[in-house]
């Protein structure tokens, strides 16, 4: 997400590169269709930029954030969110970037989403289940 370019923004959604590729092979892309929330986040990110940048989430120099810079911003956001949740009497649990993708996949599995492989860019459901599925209880139908 750090390196999303303005060029990735289309009328239909955002074109994101899919996974790793071998040298010499053409890059594959997946289309993430617009939701109201995604459109609002991208619009806000672009409106907050102080410098013109090729990147949607560019730093003050117009370059993509480094991993360290991105994590620093996330830590600051966590402190702010924790304080606001405390003030409003809401429970809040900190999370890291590494938690986000597995949490999203697990939520989609629990909702019965059948298009998880498309969303993650993996080629098989098995890989998605092995790597990302963090459900505490897995349900199955009884056999007859």
Protein backbone atom coordinates (compact mmCIF):
# COMPACT_ATOMS: atom_id res chain seq x y z
CA UNK A 1 0.00 0.00 0.00
CA UNK A 2 2.93 2.34 0.59
CA UNK A 3 3.72 2.50 -3.11
CA UNK A 4 0.27 2.96 -4.64
CA UNK A 5 0.61 5.40 -7.51
CA UNK A 6 -1.94 7.86 -8.81
CA UNK A 7 -1.77 5.93 -12.07
CA UNK A 8 -3.36 2.92 -10.31
CA UNK A 9 -6.58 4.87 -9.77
CA UNK A 10 -9.20 4.13 -12.45
CA UNK A 11 -12.93 4.72 -12.87
CA UNK A 12 -13.65 1.10 -11.88
CA UNK A 13 -11.33 1.00 -8.85
CA UNK A 14 -7.63 0.58 -8.17
CA UNK A 15 -5.30 -1.64 -10.19
CA UNK A 16 -2.86 -3.31 -7.82
CA UNK A 17 0.09 -5.53 -8.77
CA UNK A 18 -0.36 -9.17 -7.81
CA UNK A 19 2.39 -10.90 -5.85
CA UNK A 20 5.81 -11.94 -6.94
CA UNK A 21 6.86 -12.56 -10.51
CA UNK A 22 9.78 -14.17 -12.23
CA UNK A 23 12.33 -12.03 -14.01
CA UNK A 24 11.22 -11.18 -17.52
CA UNK A 25 7.55 -11.98 -16.90
CA UNK A 26 4.90 -9.32 -17.32
CA UNK A 27 3.41 -7.94 -14.13
CA UNK A 28 -0.14 -9.07 -13.32
CA UNK A 29 -2.71 -6.76 -11.79
CA UNK A 30 -5.94 -7.18 -9.86
CA UNK A 31 -8.72 -4.63 -9.80
CA UNK A 32 -9.95 -3.60 -6.37
CA UNK A 33 -13.40 -2.22 -7.04
CA UNK A 34 -14.47 0.98 -5.35
CA UNK A 35 -16.37 0.90 -2.08
CA UNK A 36 -17.57 4.10 -0.46
CA UNK A 37 -14.91 3.69 2.26
CA UNK A 38 -12.04 3.07 -0.17
CA UNK A 39 -13.00 6.03 -2.34
CA UNK A 40 -13.18 8.28 0.75
CA UNK A 41 -9.76 7.14 2.03
CA UNK A 42 -8.05 7.71 -1.32
CA UNK A 43 -9.74 11.10 -1.76
CA UNK A 44 -8.65 12.17 1.73
CA UNK A 45 -5.08 10.91 1.24
CA UNK A 46 -4.75 12.91 -1.97
CA UNK A 47 -6.26 16.04 -0.40
CA UNK A 48 -3.83 15.92 2.55
CA UNK A 49 -0.69 15.91 0.40
CA UNK A 50 1.39 19.05 0.76
CA UNK A 51 3.57 18.27 -2.26
CA UNK A 52 2.70 16.87 -5.65
CA UNK A 53 3.60 13.22 -5.61
CA UNK A 54 3.41 10.26 -7.95
CA UNK A 55 2.30 8.26 -4.90
CA UNK A 56 -1.08 8.34 -3.17
CA UNK A 57 0.63 8.06 0.22
CA UNK A 58 3.71 10.15 -0.50
CA UNK A 59 5.89 11.66 2.23
CA UNK A 60 6.80 15.36 2.43
CA UNK A 61 9.44 14.84 -0.29
CA UNK A 62 6.88 13.22 -2.62
CA UNK A 63 8.52 9.81 -2.24
CA UNK A 64 6.87 6.63 -0.94
CA UNK A 65 7.21 6.13 2.80
CA UNK A 66 9.92 3.77 3.95
CA UNK A 67 8.78 0.79 6.03
CA UNK A 68 10.13 2.57 9.11
CA UNK A 69 8.32 5.82 8.25
CA UNK A 70 5.07 3.98 7.57
CA UNK A 71 5.33 2.12 10.90
CA UNK A 72 6.08 5.36 12.76
CA UNK A 73 2.90 6.89 11.35
CA UNK A 74 0.93 3.78 12.32
CA UNK A 75 2.29 3.91 15.89
CA UNK A 76 1.26 7.57 16.16
CA UNK A 77 -2.19 6.67 14.86
CA UNK A 78 -2.47 3.87 17.44
CA UNK A 79 -1.64 6.27 20.29
CA UNK A 80 -4.25 8.75 19.01
CA UNK A 81 -6.90 6.03 18.52
CA UNK A 82 -6.19 4.51 21.93
CA UNK A 83 -6.60 7.89 23.64
CA UNK A 84 -9.81 8.67 21.76
CA UNK A 85 -11.26 5.22 22.53
CA UNK A 86 -10.39 5.65 26.21
CA UNK A 87 -12.05 9.08 26.30
CA UNK A 88 -15.20 7.65 24.70
CA UNK A 89 -15.20 4.49 26.85
CA UNK A 90 -14.69 2.20 23.87
CA UNK A 91 -12.46 -0.86 23.93
CA UNK A 92 -9.52 -0.60 21.51
CA UNK A 93 -6.86 -3.15 20.65
CA UNK A 94 -3.65 -2.09 18.93
CA UNK A 95 -2.68 -3.83 15.70
CA UNK A 96 0.21 -3.89 13.26
CA UNK A 97 0.34 -3.92 9.48
CA UNK A 98 1.09 -7.64 9.62
CA UNK A 99 -2.26 -8.18 11.37
CA UNK A 100 -4.37 -6.42 8.76
CA UNK A 101 -4.36 -8.87 5.85
CA UNK A 102 -4.99 -12.01 7.93
CA UNK A 103 -7.76 -10.19 9.82
CA UNK A 104 -9.42 -9.10 6.58
CA UNK A 105 -9.19 -12.62 5.10
CA UNK A 106 -10.58 -14.17 8.29
CA UNK A 107 -13.49 -11.70 8.31
CA UNK A 108 -14.28 -12.52 4.68
CA UNK A 109 -14.12 -16.28 5.34
CA UNK A 110 -16.53 -15.88 8.26
CA UNK A 111 -18.89 -13.88 6.02
CA UNK A 112 -18.87 -16.74 3.49
CA UNK A 113 -17.00 -14.82 0.78
CA UNK A 114 -16.09 -17.11 -2.12
CA UNK A 115 -13.73 -14.70 -3.89
CA UNK A 116 -10.89 -14.62 -1.38
CA UNK A 117 -8.28 -15.95 -3.80
CA UNK A 118 -9.07 -13.06 -6.14
CA UNK A 119 -8.81 -10.55 -3.31
CA UNK A 120 -5.47 -11.85 -2.02
CA UNK A 121 -3.90 -12.62 -5.38
CA UNK A 122 -3.13 -16.22 -4.40
CA UNK A 123 -3.84 -18.98 -6.88
CA UNK A 124 -5.45 -21.47 -4.48
CA UNK A 125 -7.81 -21.52 -1.51
CA UNK A 126 -5.42 -23.89 0.23
CA UNK A 127 -2.68 -21.27 0.34
CA UNK A 128 -5.07 -18.65 1.67
CA UNK A 129 -6.34 -20.99 4.41
CA UNK A 130 -2.82 -22.02 5.40
CA UNK A 131 -1.39 -18.54 5.61
CA UNK A 132 -4.20 -16.17 6.53
CA UNK A 133 -7.16 -17.96 8.11
CA UNK A 134 -7.06 -17.02 11.81
CA UNK A 135 -10.51 -18.19 12.89
CA UNK A 136 -10.53 -19.49 16.44
CA UNK A 137 -13.33 -21.94 15.71
CA UNK A 138 -13.75 -23.57 12.34
CA UNK A 139 -17.24 -24.83 11.58
CA UNK A 140 -18.09 -27.84 9.43
CA UNK A 141 -21.30 -29.66 8.52
CA UNK A 142 -21.82 -33.16 9.86
CA UNK A 143 -21.56 -36.01 7.37
CA UNK A 144 -24.34 -38.55 7.08
